[in-house]
PDB file of all heavy atoms in Angstrom:
ATOM      1  N   GLU A   1      -7.252 -11.099   9.691  1.00  0.00           N
ATOM      2  CA  GLU A   1      -8.613 -11.622   9.786  1.00  0.00           C
ATOM      3  C   GLU A   1      -9.198 -11.899   8.407  1.00  0.00           C
ATOM      4  O   GLU A   1     -10.125 -12.689   8.264  1.00  0.00           O
ATOM      5  CB  GLU A   1      -9.507 -10.636  10.547  1.00  0.00           C
ATOM      6  CG  GLU A   1      -9.046 -10.335  11.956  1.00  0.00           C
ATOM      7  CD  GLU A   1      -8.845 -11.590  12.784  1.00  0.00           C
ATOM      8  OE1 GLU A   1      -9.783 -12.409  12.849  1.00  0.00           O
ATOM      9  OE2 GLU A   1      -7.750 -11.766  13.348  1.00  0.00           O
ATOM     10  N   GLY A   2      -8.653 -11.256   7.380  1.00  0.00           N
ATOM     11  CA  GLY A   2      -9.189 -11.410   6.034  1.00  0.00           C
ATOM     12  C   GLY A   2      -8.739 -12.645   5.298  1.00  0.00           C
ATOM     13  O   GLY A   2      -9.144 -12.878   4.151  1.00  0.00           O
ATOM     14  N   GLY A   3      -7.871 -13.458   5.923  1.00  0.00           N
ATOM     15  CA  GLY A   3      -7.483 -14.719   5.293  1.00  0.00           C
ATOM     16  C   GLY A   3      -6.012 -14.862   4.978  1.00  0.00           C
ATOM     17  O   GLY A   3      -5.631 -15.641   4.112  1.00  0.00           O
ATOM     18  N   LEU A   4      -5.141 -14.111   5.679  1.00  0.00           N
ATOM     19  CA  LEU A   4      -3.687 -14.202   5.500  1.00  0.00           C
ATOM     20  C   LEU A   4      -3.257 -13.861   4.073  1.00  0.00           C
ATOM     21  O   LEU A   4      -2.333 -14.470   3.527  1.00  0.00           O
ATOM     22  CB  LEU A   4      -3.163 -15.589   5.902  1.00  0.00           C
ATOM     23  CG  LEU A   4      -3.348 -15.966   7.371  1.00  0.00           C
ATOM     24  CD1 LEU A   4      -2.784 -17.363   7.637  1.00  0.00           C
ATOM     25  CD2 LEU A   4      -2.690 -14.959   8.299  1.00  0.00           C
ATOM     26  N   ASN A   5      -3.925 -12.894   3.472  1.00  0.00           N
ATOM     27  CA  ASN A   5      -3.532 -12.423   2.145  1.00  0.00           C
ATOM     28  C   ASN A   5      -2.319 -11.511   2.296  1.00  0.00           C
ATOM     29  O   ASN A   5      -2.407 -10.459   2.933  1.00  0.00           O
ATOM     30  CB  ASN A   5      -4.684 -11.657   1.496  1.00  0.00           C
ATOM     31  CG  ASN A   5      -5.965 -12.464   1.484  1.00  0.00           C
ATOM     32  OD1 ASN A   5      -6.004 -13.550   0.935  1.00  0.00           O
ATOM     33  ND2 ASN A   5      -7.016 -11.938   2.115  1.00  0.00           N
ATOM     34  N   ALA A   6      -1.193 -11.903   1.732  1.00  0.00           N
ATOM     35  CA  ALA A   6       0.053 -11.150   1.865  1.00  0.00           C
ATOM     36  C   ALA A   6       0.308 -10.337   0.595  1.00  0.00           C
ATOM     37  O   ALA A   6       0.413 -10.902  -0.499  1.00  0.00           O
ATOM     38  CB  ALA A   6       1.219 -12.091   2.127  1.00  0.00           C
ATOM     39  N   ALA A   7       0.411  -9.032   0.754  1.00  0.00           N
ATOM     40  CA  ALA A   7       0.698  -8.172  -0.394  1.00  0.00           C
ATOM     41  C   ALA A   7       2.156  -8.322  -0.804  1.00  0.00           C
ATOM     42  O   ALA A   7       3.047  -8.447   0.047  1.00  0.00           O
ATOM     43  CB  ALA A   7       0.413  -6.716  -0.051  1.00  0.00           C
ATOM     44  N   ARG A   8       2.394  -8.313  -2.103  1.00  0.00           N
ATOM     45  CA  ARG A   8       3.772  -8.309  -2.603  1.00  0.00           C
ATOM     46  C   ARG A   8       4.428  -6.975  -2.264  1.00  0.00           C
ATOM     47  O   ARG A   8       3.787  -5.929  -2.219  1.00  0.00           O
ATOM     48  CB  ARG A   8       3.781  -8.532  -4.111  1.00  0.00           C
ATOM     49  CG  ARG A   8       3.328  -9.913  -4.550  1.00  0.00           C
ATOM     50  CD  ARG A   8       3.064  -9.949  -6.038  1.00  0.00           C
ATOM     51  NE  ARG A   8       1.951  -9.053  -6.396  1.00  0.00           N
ATOM     52  CZ  ARG A   8       1.586  -8.757  -7.641  1.00  0.00           C
ATOM     53  NH1 ARG A   8       2.254  -9.274  -8.655  1.00  0.00           N
ATOM     54  NH2 ARG A   8       0.571  -7.952  -7.868  1.00  0.00           N
ATOM     55  N   PHE A   9       5.743  -7.035  -2.038  1.00  0.00           N
ATOM     56  CA  PHE A   9       6.470  -5.807  -1.716  1.00  0.00           C
ATOM     57  C   PHE A   9       6.391  -4.814  -2.879  1.00  0.00           C
ATOM     58  O   PHE A   9       6.296  -3.604  -2.662  1.00  0.00           O
ATOM     59  CB  PHE A   9       7.925  -6.122  -1.386  1.00  0.00           C
ATOM     60  CG  PHE A   9       8.082  -7.064  -0.212  1.00  0.00           C
ATOM     61  CD1 PHE A   9       9.160  -7.944  -0.154  1.00  0.00           C
ATOM     62  CD2 PHE A   9       7.163  -7.082   0.824  1.00  0.00           C
ATOM     63  CE1 PHE A   9       9.313  -8.807   0.920  1.00  0.00           C
ATOM     64  CE2 PHE A   9       7.304  -7.941   1.901  1.00  0.00           C
ATOM     65  CZ  PHE A   9       8.387  -8.807   1.947  1.00  0.00           C
ATOM     66  N   SER A  10       6.413  -5.308  -4.100  1.00  0.00           N
ATOM     67  CA  SER A  10       6.323  -4.422  -5.262  1.00  0.00           C
ATOM     68  C   SER A  10       4.975  -3.712  -5.294  1.00  0.00           C
ATOM     69  O   SER A  10       4.890  -2.535  -5.679  1.00  0.00           O
ATOM     70  CB  SER A  10       6.535  -5.218  -6.555  1.00  0.00           C
ATOM     71  OG  SER A  10       5.560  -6.246  -6.684  1.00  0.00           O
ATOM     72  N   TRP A  11       3.924  -4.415  -4.881  1.00  0.00           N
ATOM     73  CA  TRP A  11       2.581  -3.815  -4.834  1.00  0.00           C
ATOM     74  C   TRP A  11       2.529  -2.708  -3.795  1.00  0.00           C
ATOM     75  O   TRP A  11       1.981  -1.623  -4.042  1.00  0.00           O
ATOM     76  CB  TRP A  11       1.563  -4.912  -4.523  1.00  0.00           C
ATOM     77  CG  TRP A  11       0.114  -4.496  -4.621  1.00  0.00           C
ATOM     78  CD1 TRP A  11      -0.673  -4.487  -5.733  1.00  0.00           C
ATOM     79  CD2 TRP A  11      -0.726  -4.074  -3.538  1.00  0.00           C
ATOM     80  NE1 TRP A  11      -1.948  -4.075  -5.422  1.00  0.00           N
ATOM     81  CE2 TRP A  11      -2.010  -3.817  -4.076  1.00  0.00           C
ATOM     82  CE3 TRP A  11      -0.521  -3.880  -2.172  1.00  0.00           C
ATOM     83  CZ2 TRP A  11      -3.085  -3.379  -3.289  1.00  0.00           C
ATOM     84  CZ3 TRP A  11      -1.586  -3.443  -1.387  1.00  0.00           C
ATOM     85  CH2 TRP A  11      -2.848  -3.194  -1.944  1.00  0.00           C
ATOM     86  N   LEU A  12       3.125  -2.962  -2.633  1.00  0.00           N
ATOM     87  CA  LEU A  12       3.154  -1.955  -1.575  1.00  0.00           C
ATOM     88  C   LEU A  12       3.918  -0.705  -2.015  1.00  0.00           C
ATOM     89  O   LEU A  12       3.506   0.426  -1.722  1.00  0.00           O
ATOM     90  CB  LEU A  12       3.789  -2.545  -0.312  1.00  0.00           C
ATOM     91  CG  LEU A  12       3.003  -3.682   0.363  1.00  0.00           C
ATOM     92  CD1 LEU A  12       3.853  -4.347   1.443  1.00  0.00           C
ATOM     93  CD2 LEU A  12       1.691  -3.163   0.937  1.00  0.00           C
ATOM     94  N   LYS A  13       5.025  -0.906  -2.729  1.00  0.00           N
ATOM     95  CA  LYS A  13       5.799   0.228  -3.242  1.00  0.00           C
ATOM     96  C   LYS A  13       4.958   1.057  -4.206  1.00  0.00           C
ATOM     97  O   LYS A  13       5.018   2.296  -4.208  1.00  0.00           O
ATOM     98  CB  LYS A  13       7.067  -0.262  -3.936  1.00  0.00           C
ATOM     99  CG  LYS A  13       8.145  -0.763  -3.016  1.00  0.00           C
ATOM    100  CD  LYS A  13       8.831   0.370  -2.256  1.00  0.00           C
ATOM    101  CE  LYS A  13       9.715   1.194  -3.162  1.00  0.00           C
ATOM    102  NZ  LYS A  13      10.429   2.264  -2.394  1.00  0.00           N
ATOM    103  N   LYS A  14       4.186   0.389  -5.052  1.00  0.00           N
ATOM    104  CA  LYS A  14       3.352   1.105  -6.020  1.00  0.00           C
ATOM    105  C   LYS A  14       2.240   1.885  -5.321  1.00  0.00           C
ATOM    106  O   LYS A  14       1.893   2.990  -5.742  1.00  0.00           O
ATOM    107  CB  LYS A  14       2.778   0.121  -7.044  1.00  0.00           C
ATOM    108  CG  LYS A  14       3.824  -0.420  -7.997  1.00  0.00           C
ATOM    109  CD  LYS A  14       3.260  -1.537  -8.878  1.00  0.00           C
ATOM    110  CE  LYS A  14       4.343  -2.117  -9.786  1.00  0.00           C
ATOM    111  NZ  LYS A  14       3.846  -3.287 -10.571  1.00  0.00           N
ATOM    112  N   ILE A  15       1.676   1.310  -4.261  1.00  0.00           N
ATOM    113  CA  ILE A  15       0.664   2.033  -3.485  1.00  0.00           C
ATOM    114  C   ILE A  15       1.265   3.288  -2.873  1.00  0.00           C
ATOM    115  O   ILE A  15       0.662   4.371  -2.904  1.00  0.00           O
ATOM    116  CB  ILE A  15       0.065   1.130  -2.386  1.00  0.00           C
ATOM    117  CG1 ILE A  15      -0.723  -0.030  -3.001  1.00  0.00           C
ATOM    118  CG2 ILE A  15      -0.812   1.946  -1.443  1.00  0.00           C
ATOM    119  CD1 ILE A  15      -2.003   0.373  -3.705  1.00  0.00           C
ATOM    120  N   GLU A  16       2.469   3.156  -2.320  1.00  0.00           N
ATOM    121  CA  GLU A  16       3.144   4.322  -1.750  1.00  0.00           C
ATOM    122  C   GLU A  16       3.357   5.396  -2.802  1.00  0.00           C
ATOM    123  O   GLU A  16       3.159   6.595  -2.547  1.00  0.00           O
ATOM    124  CB  GLU A  16       4.482   3.918  -1.125  1.00  0.00           C
ATOM    125  CG  GLU A  16       5.218   5.083  -0.480  1.00  0.00           C
ATOM    126  CD  GLU A  16       6.601   4.699   0.019  1.00  0.00           C
ATOM    127  OE1 GLU A  16       7.380   4.131  -0.769  1.00  0.00           O
ATOM    128  OE2 GLU A  16       6.912   4.978   1.197  1.00  0.00           O
ATOM    129  N   GLN A  17       3.759   4.994  -3.999  1.00  0.00           N
ATOM    130  CA  GLN A  17       3.997   5.955  -5.073  1.00  0.00           C
ATOM    131  C   GLN A  17       2.704   6.666  -5.486  1.00  0.00           C
ATOM    132  O   GLN A  17       2.695   7.882  -5.725  1.00  0.00           O
ATOM    133  CB  GLN A  17       4.608   5.243  -6.285  1.00  0.00           C
ATOM    134  CG  GLN A  17       5.033   6.179  -7.410  1.00  0.00           C
ATOM    135  CD  GLN A  17       6.042   7.219  -6.969  1.00  0.00           C
ATOM    136  OE1 GLN A  17       6.968   6.920  -6.202  1.00  0.00           O
ATOM    137  NE2 GLN A  17       5.871   8.460  -7.433  1.00  0.00           N
ATOM    138  N   ILE A  18       1.613   5.918  -5.565  1.00  0.00           N
ATOM    139  CA  ILE A  18       0.315   6.518  -5.871  1.00  0.00           C
ATOM    140  C   ILE A  18      -0.050   7.573  -4.824  1.00  0.00           C
ATOM    141  O   ILE A  18      -0.537   8.666  -5.156  1.00  0.00           O
ATOM    142  CB  ILE A  18      -0.775   5.424  -5.952  1.00  0.00           C
ATOM    143  CG1 ILE A  18      -0.581   4.579  -7.206  1.00  0.00           C
ATOM    144  CG2 ILE A  18      -2.178   6.038  -5.933  1.00  0.00           C
ATOM    145  CD1 ILE A  18      -1.472   3.349  -7.253  1.00  0.00           C
ATOM    146  N   CYS A  19       0.178   7.251  -3.569  1.00  0.00           N
ATOM    147  CA  CYS A  19      -0.111   8.202  -2.493  1.00  0.00           C
ATOM    148  C   CYS A  19       0.693   9.493  -2.662  1.00  0.00           C
ATOM    149  O   CYS A  19       0.161  10.596  -2.499  1.00  0.00           O
ATOM    150  CB  CYS A  19       0.179   7.565  -1.141  1.00  0.00           C
ATOM    151  SG  CYS A  19      -1.020   6.304  -0.645  1.00  0.00           S
ATOM    152  N   LYS A  20       1.963   9.355  -2.998  1.00  0.00           N
ATOM    153  CA  LYS A  20       2.804  10.534  -3.181  1.00  0.00           C
ATOM    154  C   LYS A  20       2.335  11.370  -4.366  1.00  0.00           C
ATOM    155  O   LYS A  20       2.310  12.607  -4.303  1.00  0.00           O
ATOM    156  CB  LYS A  20       4.262  10.106  -3.364  1.00  0.00           C
ATOM    157  CG  LYS A  20       4.909   9.558  -2.097  1.00  0.00           C
ATOM    158  CD  LYS A  20       6.338   9.099  -2.350  1.00  0.00           C
ATOM    159  CE  LYS A  20       6.991   8.579  -1.079  1.00  0.00           C
ATOM    160  NZ  LYS A  20       8.374   8.067  -1.322  1.00  0.00           N
ATOM    161  N   GLU A  21       1.963  10.711  -5.441  1.00  0.00           N
ATOM    162  CA  GLU A  21       1.533  11.422  -6.654  1.00  0.00           C
ATOM    163  C   GLU A  21       0.255  12.221  -6.433  1.00  0.00           C
ATOM    164  O   GLU A  21       0.057  13.284  -7.030  1.00  0.00           O
ATOM    165  CB  GLU A  21       1.330  10.434  -7.797  1.00  0.00           C
ATOM    166  CG  GLU A  21       2.619   9.830  -8.323  1.00  0.00           C
ATOM    167  CD  GLU A  21       2.382   8.718  -9.329  1.00  0.00           C
ATOM    168  OE1 GLU A  21       1.188   8.402  -9.599  1.00  0.00           O
ATOM    169  OE2 GLU A  21       3.369   8.150  -9.837  1.00  0.00           O
ATOM    170  N   HIS A  22      -0.629  11.732  -5.569  1.00  0.00           N
ATOM    171  CA  HIS A  22      -1.928  12.376  -5.368  1.00  0.00           C
ATOM    172  C   HIS A  22      -2.041  13.083  -4.019  1.00  0.00           C
ATOM    173  O   HIS A  22      -3.137  13.510  -3.641  1.00  0.00           O
ATOM    174  CB  HIS A  22      -3.041  11.337  -5.498  1.00  0.00           C
ATOM    175  CG  HIS A  22      -3.200  10.777  -6.873  1.00  0.00           C
ATOM    176  ND1 HIS A  22      -3.987  11.376  -7.835  1.00  0.00           N
ATOM    177  CD2 HIS A  22      -2.662   9.675  -7.463  1.00  0.00           C
ATOM    178  CE1 HIS A  22      -3.934  10.658  -8.947  1.00  0.00           C
ATOM    179  NE2 HIS A  22      -3.136   9.619  -8.753  1.00  0.00           N
ATOM    180  N   ASN A  23      -0.931  13.203  -3.290  1.00  0.00           N
ATOM    181  CA  ASN A  23      -0.941  13.830  -1.961  1.00  0.00           C
ATOM    182  C   ASN A  23      -1.951  13.158  -1.027  1.00  0.00           C
ATOM    183  O   ASN A  23      -2.739  13.813  -0.341  1.00  0.00           O
ATOM    184  CB  ASN A  23      -1.232  15.325  -2.075  1.00  0.00           C
ATOM    185  CG  ASN A  23      -0.136  16.069  -2.809  1.00  0.00           C
ATOM    186  OD1 ASN A  23       1.053  15.861  -2.534  1.00  0.00           O
ATOM    187  ND2 ASN A  23      -0.506  16.929  -3.747  1.00  0.00           N
ATOM    188  N   ILE A  24      -1.918  11.831  -1.034  1.00  0.00           N
ATOM    189  CA  ILE A  24      -2.754  11.014  -0.164  1.00  0.00           C
ATOM    190  C   ILE A  24      -1.871  10.453   0.948  1.00  0.00           C
ATOM    191  O   ILE A  24      -0.733  10.031   0.700  1.00  0.00           O
ATOM    192  CB  ILE A  24      -3.382   9.849  -0.958  1.00  0.00           C
ATOM    193  CG1 ILE A  24      -4.239  10.375  -2.116  1.00  0.00           C
ATOM    194  CG2 ILE A  24      -4.188   8.928  -0.055  1.00  0.00           C
ATOM    195  CD1 ILE A  24      -4.617   9.301  -3.126  1.00  0.00           C
ATOM    196  N   LEU A  25      -2.358  10.436   2.176  1.00  0.00           N
ATOM    197  CA  LEU A  25      -1.572   9.852   3.261  1.00  0.00           C
ATOM    198  C   LEU A  25      -1.677   8.323   3.213  1.00  0.00           C
ATOM    199  O   LEU A  25      -2.751   7.776   2.955  1.00  0.00           O
ATOM    200  CB  LEU A  25      -2.063  10.346   4.623  1.00  0.00           C
ATOM    201  CG  LEU A  25      -2.020  11.856   4.879  1.00  0.00           C
ATOM    202  CD1 LEU A  25      -2.252  12.135   6.363  1.00  0.00           C
ATOM    203  CD2 LEU A  25      -0.714  12.469   4.426  1.00  0.00           C
ATOM    204  N   LEU A  26      -0.569   7.665   3.469  1.00  0.00           N
ATOM    205  CA  LEU A  26      -0.529   6.202   3.512  1.00  0.00           C
ATOM    206  C   LEU A  26      -0.527   5.754   4.975  1.00  0.00           C
ATOM    207  O   LEU A  26       0.375   6.112   5.739  1.00  0.00           O
ATOM    208  CB  LEU A  26       0.709   5.667   2.806  1.00  0.00           C
ATOM    209  CG  LEU A  26       0.923   4.143   2.878  1.00  0.00           C
ATOM    210  CD1 LEU A  26      -0.256   3.386   2.287  1.00  0.00           C
ATOM    211  CD2 LEU A  26       2.223   3.739   2.188  1.00  0.00           C
ATOM    212  N   ILE A  27      -1.546   4.990   5.351  1.00  0.00           N
ATOM    213  CA  ILE A  27      -1.660   4.434   6.701  1.00  0.00           C
ATOM    214  C   ILE A  27      -1.441   2.925   6.627  1.00  0.00           C
ATOM    215  O   ILE A  27      -2.121   2.240   5.861  1.00  0.00           O
ATOM    216  CB  ILE A  27      -3.055   4.700   7.309  1.00  0.00           C
ATOM    217  CG1 ILE A  27      -3.381   6.197   7.320  1.00  0.00           C
ATOM    218  CG2 ILE A  27      -3.138   4.129   8.728  1.00  0.00           C
ATOM    219  CD1 ILE A  27      -4.832   6.499   7.709  1.00  0.00           C
ATOM    220  N   VAL A  28      -0.510   2.419   7.398  1.00  0.00           N
ATOM    221  CA  VAL A  28      -0.318   0.970   7.508  1.00  0.00           C
ATOM    222  C   VAL A  28      -0.835   0.511   8.865  1.00  0.00           C
ATOM    223  O   VAL A  28      -0.379   0.984   9.913  1.00  0.00           O
ATOM    224  CB  VAL A  28       1.156   0.562   7.325  1.00  0.00           C
ATOM    225  CG1 VAL A  28       1.344  -0.912   7.685  1.00  0.00           C
ATOM    226  CG2 VAL A  28       1.600   0.798   5.890  1.00  0.00           C
ATOM    227  N   ASP A  29      -1.809  -0.359   8.837  1.00  0.00           N
ATOM    228  CA  ASP A  29      -2.341  -0.991  10.040  1.00  0.00           C
ATOM    229  C   ASP A  29      -1.454  -2.195  10.347  1.00  0.00           C
ATOM    230  O   ASP A  29      -1.581  -3.247   9.734  1.00  0.00           O
ATOM    231  CB  ASP A  29      -3.792  -1.407   9.792  1.00  0.00           C
ATOM    232  CG  ASP A  29      -4.412  -2.136  10.978  1.00  0.00           C
ATOM    233  OD1 ASP A  29      -3.668  -2.580  11.865  1.00  0.00           O
ATOM    234  OD2 ASP A  29      -5.652  -2.287  10.986  1.00  0.00           O
TER     235      ASP A  29
END
């Protein structure tokens, strides 16, 4: 709904790594 903005796979990997480093849960809608 936000305009078909596609995240790069490298960006998604970095988000996952940030979550692991800070003990944050990663939710994918």
